[in-house]
C-alpha atoms as a PDB file:
ATOM      1  CA  LYS A   1      21.537  15.388  14.631  1.00  0.00           C
ATOM      2  CA  GLN A   2      19.093  16.653  11.995  1.00  0.00           C
ATOM      3  CA  TRP A   3      16.562  18.950  13.477  1.00  0.00           C
ATOM      4  CA  TYR A   4      13.932  16.396  12.874  1.00  0.00           C
ATOM      5  CA  GLN A   5      15.944  13.660  14.353  1.00  0.00           C
ATOM      6  CA  ARG A   6      15.921  15.921  17.700  1.00  0.00           C
ATOM      7  CA  ARG A   7      12.057  16.540  17.368  1.00  0.00           C
ATOM      8  CA  VAL A   8      10.458  13.860  15.630  1.00  0.00           C
ATOM      9  CA  ARG A   9      10.801   9.563  17.334  1.00  0.00           C
ATOM     10  CA  GLY A  10      10.703   6.786  15.275  1.00  0.00           C
ATOM     11  CA  ARG A  11       7.601   5.300  15.852  1.00  0.00           C
ATOM     12  CA  THR A  12       6.235   9.266  14.911  1.00  0.00           C
ATOM     13  CA  PHE A  13       8.513   9.249  11.791  1.00  0.00           C
ATOM     14  CA  ILE A  14       6.915   6.097  10.566  1.00  0.00           C
ATOM     15  CA  VAL A  15       3.423   7.369  10.760  1.00  0.00           C
ATOM     16  CA  LEU A  16       4.154  10.837   9.359  1.00  0.00           C
ATOM     17  CA  THR A  17       5.399   8.961   6.151  1.00  0.00           C
ATOM     18  CA  SER A  18       2.302   6.547   6.123  1.00  0.00           C
ATOM     19  CA  ILE A  19      -0.168   8.885   6.065  1.00  0.00           C
ATOM     20  CA  PRO A  20       0.315  10.999   2.815  1.00  0.00           C
ATOM     21  CA  VAL A  21      -0.060   6.868   1.093  1.00  0.00           C
ATOM     22  CA  PHE A  22      -3.513   6.701   2.369  1.00  0.00           C
ATOM     23  CA  ILE A  23      -4.973   9.348   1.024  1.00  0.00           C
ATOM     24  CA  PRO A  24      -5.207   8.957  -1.957  1.00  0.00           C
ATOM     25  CA  THR A  25      -7.226   5.291  -1.803  1.00  0.00           C
ATOM     26  CA  ILE A  26      -9.693   7.281   0.542  1.00  0.00           C
ATOM     27  CA  TYR A  27     -10.234   9.954  -2.577  1.00  0.00           C
ATOM     28  CA  MET A  28     -10.732   7.438  -5.190  1.00  0.00           C
ATOM     29  CA  LEU A  29     -13.186   5.270  -2.453  1.00  0.00           C
ATOM     30  CA  HIS A  30     -15.321   8.143  -2.112  1.00  0.00           C
ATOM     31  CA  PHE A  31     -15.526   9.409  -5.140  1.00  0.00           C
ATOM     32  CA  CYS A  32     -16.348   6.178  -6.908  1.00  0.00           C
ATOM     33  CA  PHE A  33     -19.507   5.372  -4.034  1.00  0.00           C
ATOM     34  CA  ALA A  34     -20.444   8.436  -3.381  1.00  0.00           C
ATOM     35  CA  THR A  35     -23.352   8.019  -5.985  1.00  0.00           C
ATOM     36  CA  THR A  36     -24.165   4.442  -5.836  1.00  0.00           C
ATOM     37  CA  THR A  37     -26.529   3.472  -3.876  1.00  0.00           C
ATOM     38  CA  GLU A  38     -26.451   0.356  -1.273  1.00  0.00           C
ATOM     39  CA  ARG A  39     -28.940  -1.879  -3.415  1.00  0.00           C
ATOM     40  CA  LYS A  40     -26.574  -1.311  -6.567  1.00  0.00           C
ATOM     41  CA  ILE A  41     -23.898  -2.445  -4.873  1.00  0.00           C
ATOM     42  CA  SER A  42     -25.775  -5.288  -3.517  1.00  0.00           C
ATOM     43  CA  ASP A  43     -27.551  -5.823  -7.395  1.00  0.00           C
ATOM     44  CA  GLU A  44     -23.787  -6.270  -8.668  1.00  0.00           C
ATOM     45  CA  ASN A  45     -22.369  -8.519  -6.121  1.00  0.00           C
ATOM     46  CA  ASP A  46     -25.275 -10.710  -6.444  1.00  0.00           C
ATOM     47  CA  GLN A  47     -24.744 -11.077 -10.064  1.00  0.00           C
ATOM     48  CA  VAL A  48     -25.106 -14.141 -11.548  1.00  0.00           C
ATOM     49  CA  ILE A  49     -23.711 -14.253 -15.606  1.00  0.00           C
ATOM     50  CA  PRO A  50     -26.624 -16.601 -17.496  1.00  0.00           C
ATOM     51  CA  LYS A  51     -25.649 -19.916 -18.888  1.00  0.00           C
ATOM     52  CA  GLY A  52     -24.177 -19.911 -22.553  1.00  0.00           C
ATOM     53  CA  THR A  53     -23.022 -16.418 -22.322  1.00  0.00           C
ATOM     54  CA  ALA A  54     -20.003 -17.265 -20.967  1.00  0.00           C
ATOM     55  CA  SER A  55     -16.939 -16.871 -23.509  1.00  0.00           C
ATOM     56  CA  ILE A  56     -13.611 -16.730 -23.729  1.00  0.00           C
ATOM     57  CA  PRO A  57     -11.719 -14.230 -26.543  1.00  0.00           C
ATOM     58  CA  PRO A  58      -9.665 -15.989 -29.353  1.00  0.00           C
ATOM     59  CA  ASN A  59      -6.576 -15.238 -28.283  1.00  0.00           C
ATOM     60  CA  TYR A  60      -6.892 -15.677 -24.750  1.00  0.00           C
ATOM     61  CA  VAL A  61      -2.913 -17.451 -24.059  1.00  0.00           C
ATOM     62  CA  ALA A  62      -1.871 -14.530 -26.057  1.00  0.00           C
ATOM     63  CA  ARG A  63      -4.130 -11.399 -23.592  1.00  0.00           C
ATOM     64  CA  ILE A  64      -2.557 -13.345 -20.343  1.00  0.00           C
ATOM     65  CA  MET A  65       1.284 -13.702 -21.840  1.00  0.00           C
ATOM     66  CA  LYS A  66       1.070  -9.545 -22.776  1.00  0.00           C
ATOM     67  CA  LEU A  67      -0.774  -8.803 -20.054  1.00  0.00           C
ATOM     68  CA  GLY A  68       1.763 -10.584 -17.500  1.00  0.00           C
ATOM     69  CA  LEU A  69       4.991  -9.418 -18.975  1.00  0.00           C
ATOM     70  CA  PHE A  70       3.726  -5.554 -18.560  1.00  0.00           C
ATOM     71  CA  SER A  71       2.797  -6.694 -14.621  1.00  0.00           C
ATOM     72  CA  ALA A  72       6.154  -8.676 -14.288  1.00  0.00           C
ATOM     73  CA  VAL A  73       8.079  -5.665 -16.203  1.00  0.00           C
ATOM     74  CA  ASN A  74       5.979  -2.905 -13.842  1.00  0.00           C
ATOM     75  CA  THR A  75       6.195  -4.971 -10.747  1.00  0.00           C
ATOM     76  CA  PHE A  76      10.467  -5.114 -11.490  1.00  0.00           C
ATOM     77  CA  LEU A  77      10.244  -1.331 -11.534  1.00  0.00           C
ATOM     78  CA  GLY A  78       7.783  -0.325  -8.945  1.00  0.00           C
ATOM     79  CA  TRP A  79       9.879  -2.685  -6.213  1.00  0.00           C
ATOM     80  CA  GLY A  80      12.966  -2.454  -7.038  1.00  0.00           C
ATOM     81  CA  THR A  81      13.220   1.174  -6.992  1.00  0.00           C
ATOM     82  CA  ILE A  82      12.121   0.811  -2.977  1.00  0.00           C
ATOM     83  CA  LEU A  83      15.679  -0.974  -2.698  1.00  0.00           C
ATOM     84  CA  LEU A  84      17.148   0.585  -5.401  1.00  0.00           C
ATOM     85  CA  VAL A  85      16.965   4.140  -3.877  1.00  0.00           C
ATOM     86  CA  PRO A  86      19.351   3.881  -0.872  1.00  0.00           C
ATOM     87  CA  ALA A  87      21.991   1.125  -2.302  1.00  0.00           C
ATOM     88  CA  LEU A  88      22.143   4.051  -4.962  1.00  0.00           C
ATOM     89  CA  ILE A  89      22.564   6.670  -2.096  1.00  0.00           C
ATOM     90  CA  GLN A  90      25.006   5.018  -0.485  1.00  0.00           C
ATOM     91  CA  MET A  91      26.986   4.099  -3.179  1.00  0.00           C
ATOM     92  CA  LEU A  92      27.419   8.077  -3.454  1.00  0.00           C
ATOM     93  CA  LYS A  93      28.501   8.562  -0.486  1.00  0.00           C
ATOM     94  CA  ILE A  94      31.222   6.010  -0.659  1.00  0.00           C
ATOM     95  CA  LYS A  95      32.358   7.057  -3.870  1.00  0.00           C
ATOM     96  CA  GLU A  96      32.054  10.651  -2.433  1.00  0.00           C
ATOM     97  CA  ALA A  97      33.995   9.652   0.988  1.00  0.00           C
ATOM     98  CA  GLY A  98      36.089   7.396  -0.038  1.00  0.00           C
ATOM     99  CA  ARG A  99      36.436   3.681   0.646  1.00  0.00           C
ATOM    100  CA  ASN A 100      38.239   3.752   3.818  1.00  0.00           C
ATOM    101  CA  SER A 101      35.566   6.228   5.266  1.00  0.00           C
ATOM    102  CA  ASP A 102      33.939   5.982   8.654  1.00  0.00           C
ATOM    103  CA  CYS A 103      31.038   3.444   8.411  1.00  0.00           C
ATOM    104  CA  SER A 104      28.269   5.681   9.852  1.00  0.00           C
ATOM    105  CA  VAL A 105      29.055   8.744   6.938  1.00  0.00           C
ATOM    106  CA  THR A 106      27.769   6.489   4.015  1.00  0.00           C
ATOM    107  CA  VAL A 107      24.888   4.527   5.888  1.00  0.00           C
ATOM    108  CA  THR A 108      21.107   5.783   4.712  1.00  0.00           C
ATOM    109  CA  GLN A 109      20.211   7.726   7.721  1.00  0.00           C
ATOM    110  CA  GLY A 110      18.762  11.420   8.423  1.00  0.00           C
ATOM    111  CA  LEU A 111      17.706  13.260   5.387  1.00  0.00           C
ATOM    112  CA  ASP A 112      18.145  10.286   3.052  1.00  0.00           C
ATOM    113  CA  LEU A 113      15.011   8.550   4.918  1.00  0.00           C
ATOM    114  CA  LEU A 114      12.952  11.529   3.656  1.00  0.00           C
ATOM    115  CA  LEU A 115      14.239  11.844   0.243  1.00  0.00           C
ATOM    116  CA  LEU A 116      13.316   7.762   0.299  1.00  0.00           C
ATOM    117  CA  ALA A 117       9.822   7.984   2.181  1.00  0.00           C
ATOM    118  CA  LEU A 118       9.463  11.265  -1.174  1.00  0.00           C
ATOM    119  CA  VAL A 119      10.199   8.440  -3.682  1.00  0.00           C
ATOM    120  CA  THR A 120       7.743   6.028  -2.913  1.00  0.00           C
ATOM    121  CA  PHE A 121       5.083   8.120  -2.176  1.00  0.00           C
ATOM    122  CA  ALA A 122       5.047   9.492  -6.043  1.00  0.00           C
ATOM    123  CA  ALA A 123       4.059   5.970  -6.827  1.00  0.00           C
ATOM    124  CA  ASN A 124       0.200   7.049  -5.013  1.00  0.00           C
ATOM    125  CA  LEU A 125       0.618  10.796  -7.360  1.00  0.00           C
ATOM    126  CA  GLY A 126       0.443   8.228 -10.547  1.00  0.00           C
ATOM    127  CA  ARG A 127      -1.866   6.303  -9.201  1.00  0.00           C
ATOM    128  CA  LEU A 128      -4.244   9.348  -8.286  1.00  0.00           C
ATOM    129  CA  PHE A 129      -3.269  10.980 -12.415  1.00  0.00           C
ATOM    130  CA  THR A 130      -4.532   7.717 -13.819  1.00  0.00           C
ATOM    131  CA  HIS A 131      -7.821   7.899 -12.265  1.00  0.00           C
ATOM    132  CA  PHE A 132      -8.798  11.407 -13.486  1.00  0.00           C
ATOM    133  CA  THR A 133      -7.106  11.457 -17.091  1.00  0.00           C
ATOM    134  CA  ARG A 134      -7.971   7.551 -18.089  1.00  0.00           C
ATOM    135  CA  GLU A 135     -10.869   8.674 -19.857  1.00  0.00           C
ATOM    136  CA  ARG A 136      -9.410  11.194 -21.378  1.00  0.00           C
ATOM    137  CA  VAL A 137      -6.001   9.495 -22.562  1.00  0.00           C
ATOM    138  CA  SER A 138      -6.104   5.893 -23.998  1.00  0.00           C
ATOM    139  CA  PHE A 139      -4.531   2.570 -22.924  1.00  0.00           C
ATOM    140  CA  ARG A 140      -1.712   2.438 -25.297  1.00  0.00           C
ATOM    141  CA  LYS A 141      -1.015   6.048 -25.688  1.00  0.00           C
ATOM    142  CA  MET A 142      -0.307   6.433 -21.449  1.00  0.00           C
ATOM    143  CA  GLN A 143       1.448   3.362 -21.443  1.00  0.00           C
ATOM    144  CA  LEU A 144       3.945   3.775 -24.656  1.00  0.00           C
ATOM    145  CA  THR A 145       4.993   7.462 -23.143  1.00  0.00           C
ATOM    146  CA  ALA A 146       5.383   5.807 -19.634  1.00  0.00           C
ATOM    147  CA  ALA A 147       7.398   3.387 -21.040  1.00  0.00           C
ATOM    148  CA  LEU A 148       9.620   5.681 -23.240  1.00  0.00           C
ATOM    149  CA  LEU A 149      10.110   8.011 -20.291  1.00  0.00           C
ATOM    150  CA  SER A 150      11.067   5.245 -18.026  1.00  0.00           C
ATOM    151  CA  THR A 151      13.705   4.418 -20.254  1.00  0.00           C
ATOM    152  CA  GLY A 152      15.326   7.577 -20.751  1.00  0.00           C
ATOM    153  CA  PHE A 153      15.265   8.332 -17.162  1.00  0.00           C
ATOM    154  CA  PHE A 154      16.950   5.033 -15.998  1.00  0.00           C
ATOM    155  CA  ALA A 155      19.510   6.107 -19.092  1.00  0.00           C
ATOM    156  CA  GLY A 156      20.044   9.234 -17.138  1.00  0.00           C
ATOM    157  CA  MET A 157      20.547   8.008 -13.828  1.00  0.00           C
ATOM    158  CA  ILE A 158      23.846   5.906 -15.417  1.00  0.00           C
ATOM    159  CA  ALA A 159      24.479   9.440 -17.515  1.00  0.00           C
ATOM    160  CA  TYR A 160      24.601  11.703 -14.285  1.00  0.00           C
ATOM    161  CA  GLU A 161      26.008   9.896 -11.132  1.00  0.00           C
ATOM    162  CA  ASN A 162      24.677  12.452  -8.152  1.00  0.00           C
ATOM    163  CA  LEU A 163      22.003  12.575  -5.545  1.00  0.00           C
ATOM    164  CA  PRO A 164      19.900  15.209  -7.003  1.00  0.00           C
ATOM    165  CA  VAL A 165      19.878  12.970 -10.373  1.00  0.00           C
ATOM    166  CA  THR A 166      19.421   9.700  -8.473  1.00  0.00           C
ATOM    167  CA  ILE A 167      16.224  11.800  -6.548  1.00  0.00           C
ATOM    168  CA  ALA A 168      14.448  13.232  -9.155  1.00  0.00           C
ATOM    169  CA  THR A 169      14.281  10.209 -11.538  1.00  0.00           C
ATOM    170  CA  ASN A 170      13.531   8.007  -9.584  1.00  0.00           C
ATOM    171  CA  PHE A 171      10.650   9.782  -8.554  1.00  0.00           C
ATOM    172  CA  THR A 172       9.812  10.120 -11.799  1.00  0.00           C
ATOM    173  CA  VAL A 173      10.002   6.324 -12.165  1.00  0.00           C
ATOM    174  CA  LYS A 174       8.213   5.681  -9.197  1.00  0.00           C
ATOM    175  CA  PHE A 175       5.423   7.767 -10.338  1.00  0.00           C
ATOM    176  CA  LEU A 176       5.289   6.430 -13.625  1.00  0.00           C
ATOM    177  CA  PHE A 177       5.137   2.988 -11.882  1.00  0.00           C
ATOM    178  CA  GLY A 178       1.537   4.147 -10.232  1.00  0.00           C
ATOM    179  CA  VAL A 179       0.302   4.878 -13.330  1.00  0.00           C
ATOM    180  CA  ALA A 180       1.271   2.203 -15.051  1.00  0.00           C
ATOM    181  CA  SER A 181      -0.040  -0.390 -11.802  1.00  0.00           C
ATOM    182  CA  MET A 182      -3.373   1.289 -12.035  1.00  0.00           C
ATOM    183  CA  SER A 183      -4.127   0.958 -15.643  1.00  0.00           C
ATOM    184  CA  GLU A 184      -3.038  -2.533 -15.277  1.00  0.00           C
ATOM    185  CA  ASN A 185      -5.638  -2.979 -12.385  1.00  0.00           C
ATOM    186  CA  TYR A 186      -8.485  -1.431 -14.918  1.00  0.00           C
ATOM    187  CA  VAL A 187      -7.385  -4.292 -17.425  1.00  0.00           C
ATOM    188  CA  LEU A 188      -6.444  -7.022 -14.763  1.00  0.00           C
ATOM    189  CA  PHE A 189     -10.200  -6.889 -13.300  1.00  0.00           C
ATOM    190  CA  ASP A 190     -12.330  -6.117 -16.584  1.00  0.00           C
ATOM    191  CA  VAL A 191     -13.843  -9.317 -17.348  1.00  0.00           C
ATOM    192  CA  ASN A 192     -14.305  -8.363 -21.119  1.00  0.00           C
ATOM    193  CA  TYR A 193     -10.334  -8.374 -21.165  1.00  0.00           C
ATOM    194  CA  PHE A 194     -10.432 -12.039 -20.592  1.00  0.00           C
ATOM    195  CA  GLY A 195     -13.824 -13.272 -21.331  1.00  0.00           C
ATOM    196  CA  THR A 196     -16.180 -14.578 -18.519  1.00  0.00           C
ATOM    197  CA  SER A 197     -15.156 -18.688 -18.882  1.00  0.00           C
ATOM    198  CA  ALA A 198     -11.819 -18.483 -17.294  1.00  0.00           C
ATOM    199  CA  PHE A 199     -11.787 -14.878 -15.841  1.00  0.00           C
ATOM    200  CA  ALA A 200     -10.658 -15.996 -12.302  1.00  0.00           C
ATOM    201  CA  ARG A 201      -8.105 -18.327 -13.619  1.00  0.00           C
ATOM    202  CA  ALA A 202      -6.026 -15.854 -15.912  1.00  0.00           C
ATOM    203  CA  CYS A 203      -6.028 -13.211 -13.121  1.00  0.00           C
ATOM    204  CA  SER A 204      -4.351 -15.743 -11.337  1.00  0.00           C
ATOM    205  CA  ILE A 205      -1.738 -16.258 -13.818  1.00  0.00           C
ATOM    206  CA  THR A 206      -1.307 -12.586 -14.867  1.00  0.00           C
ATOM    207  CA  SER A 207      -0.499 -11.591 -11.547  1.00  0.00           C
ATOM    208  CA  ALA A 208       1.535 -14.710 -10.654  1.00  0.00           C
ATOM    209  CA  ILE A 209       3.974 -13.616 -13.240  1.00  0.00           C
ATOM    210  CA  GLY A 210       3.545  -9.938 -12.269  1.00  0.00           C
ATOM    211  CA  LEU A 211       4.830 -10.985  -8.776  1.00  0.00           C
ATOM    212  CA  LEU A 212       7.936 -12.975 -10.326  1.00  0.00           C
ATOM    213  CA  GLY A 213       8.809 -10.013 -11.526  1.00  0.00           C
ATOM    214  CA  GLY A 214       8.719  -8.463  -8.348  1.00  0.00           C
ATOM    215  CA  VAL A 215      10.960 -10.815  -7.214  1.00  0.00           C
ATOM    216  CA  ILE A 216      13.539 -11.203  -9.345  1.00  0.00           C
ATOM    217  CA  GLY A 217      14.432  -7.499  -9.107  1.00  0.00           C
ATOM    218  CA  THR A 218      14.167  -7.480  -5.578  1.00  0.00           C
ATOM    219  CA  VAL A 219      17.072 -10.252  -6.012  1.00  0.00           C
ATOM    220  CA  LEU A 220      18.610  -8.944  -8.690  1.00  0.00           C
ATOM    221  CA  ILE A 221      19.396  -5.209  -5.971  1.00  0.00           C
ATOM    222  CA  ALA A 222      20.301  -7.921  -3.351  1.00  0.00           C
ATOM    223  CA  PHE A 223      23.249  -9.341  -5.100  1.00  0.00           C
ATOM    224  CA  THR A 224      24.457  -7.150  -8.193  1.00  0.00           C
ATOM    225  CA  PRO A 225      26.054  -3.838  -8.281  1.00  0.00           C
ATOM    226  CA  PRO A 226      23.153  -1.063  -8.059  1.00  0.00           C
ATOM    227  CA  PHE A 227      24.287   0.278 -11.767  1.00  0.00           C
ATOM    228  CA  TYR A 228      23.300  -3.213 -13.124  1.00  0.00           C
ATOM    229  CA  VAL A 229      20.381  -3.165 -11.881  1.00  0.00           C
ATOM    230  CA  VAL A 230      19.680  -0.081 -13.754  1.00  0.00           C
ATOM    231  CA  GLY A 231      20.908  -1.205 -16.833  1.00  0.00           C
ATOM    232  CA  THR A 232      18.085  -3.930 -16.439  1.00  0.00           C
ATOM    233  CA  ALA A 233      15.256  -1.483 -15.335  1.00  0.00           C
ATOM    234  CA  MET A 234      15.953   0.181 -18.618  1.00  0.00           C
ATOM    235  CA  VAL A 235      16.334  -2.700 -20.672  1.00  0.00           C
ATOM    236  CA  GLY A 236      12.723  -4.176 -19.329  1.00  0.00           C
ATOM    237  CA  SER A 237      11.233  -0.443 -19.928  1.00  0.00           C
ATOM    238  CA  ALA A 238      12.319  -0.707 -23.221  1.00  0.00           C
ATOM    239  CA  VAL A 239      10.630  -4.077 -23.509  1.00  0.00           C
ATOM    240  CA  LYS A 240       7.254  -2.546 -22.292  1.00  0.00           C
ATOM    241  CA  ILE A 241       7.024  -1.034 -25.541  1.00  0.00           C
ATOM    242  CA  PRO A 242       6.699  -3.479 -27.883  1.00  0.00           C
ATOM    243  CA  VAL A 243       4.218  -5.439 -25.207  1.00  0.00           C
ATOM    244  CA  VAL A 244       2.144  -2.228 -25.474  1.00  0.00           C
ATOM    245  CA  VAL A 245       1.984  -1.338 -28.661  1.00  0.00           C
ATOM    246  CA  SER A 246       1.011  -5.162 -29.431  1.00  0.00           C
ATOM    247  CA  MET A 247      -1.762  -4.855 -26.828  1.00  0.00           C
ATOM    248  CA  THR A 248      -4.665  -3.678 -29.241  1.00  0.00           C
ATOM    249  CA  GLU A 249      -7.624  -5.535 -26.919  1.00  0.00           C
ATOM    250  CA  VAL A 250      -6.981  -2.484 -24.562  1.00  0.00           C
ATOM    251  CA  ILE A 251      -9.042   0.542 -25.601  1.00  0.00           C
END
């Protein structure tokens, strides 16, 4: 057994790898509300839109479809990475050990779990990065760069089949997923994007489309070879490029 398997029990290991997930959230909540008084928060919660001022933007349906497609691809990439990493690690182990090797050699365990936790944590780093940069870099510039990088890194997974490349590329893809998901939430809950009249309905439809992308990614990983999923993810990242370019409504 590895040294950390001898010293750390299963439940303690889960707690230690879960704690870092909450750090960016606590940090952002603290600084978002640190300078806001209780009275101001109460006024914002009780705010009522005056009659006759509700509006729907002229391209309302197009906005839903564009943000919905952006969300679907992003969720596909983010959720898919959670299952894709152990599948790729196991595939590489089978190639190295041979198909007739003992099952205990190819199962995901030990150091592999720490690498998986590291990749998963990258999404929180991406969200934290977006929190600090969203006022300095526009949405389209940021997401266009993220889509191009994701496409390139998925191509790298296909070109170089080894463990260091797999971990490094998935870590970066997960980081970019955090960047995109944080930016997506800023747009999704911006009343100026969908208008005040049908804001809740538009958010619900967009979120449902995004969840559908996550379900498709999970199903693909469960029933198809890992590199088929990597190829699909690369195409999805490329699809995000024209979608982001067309989102001229977002500053």
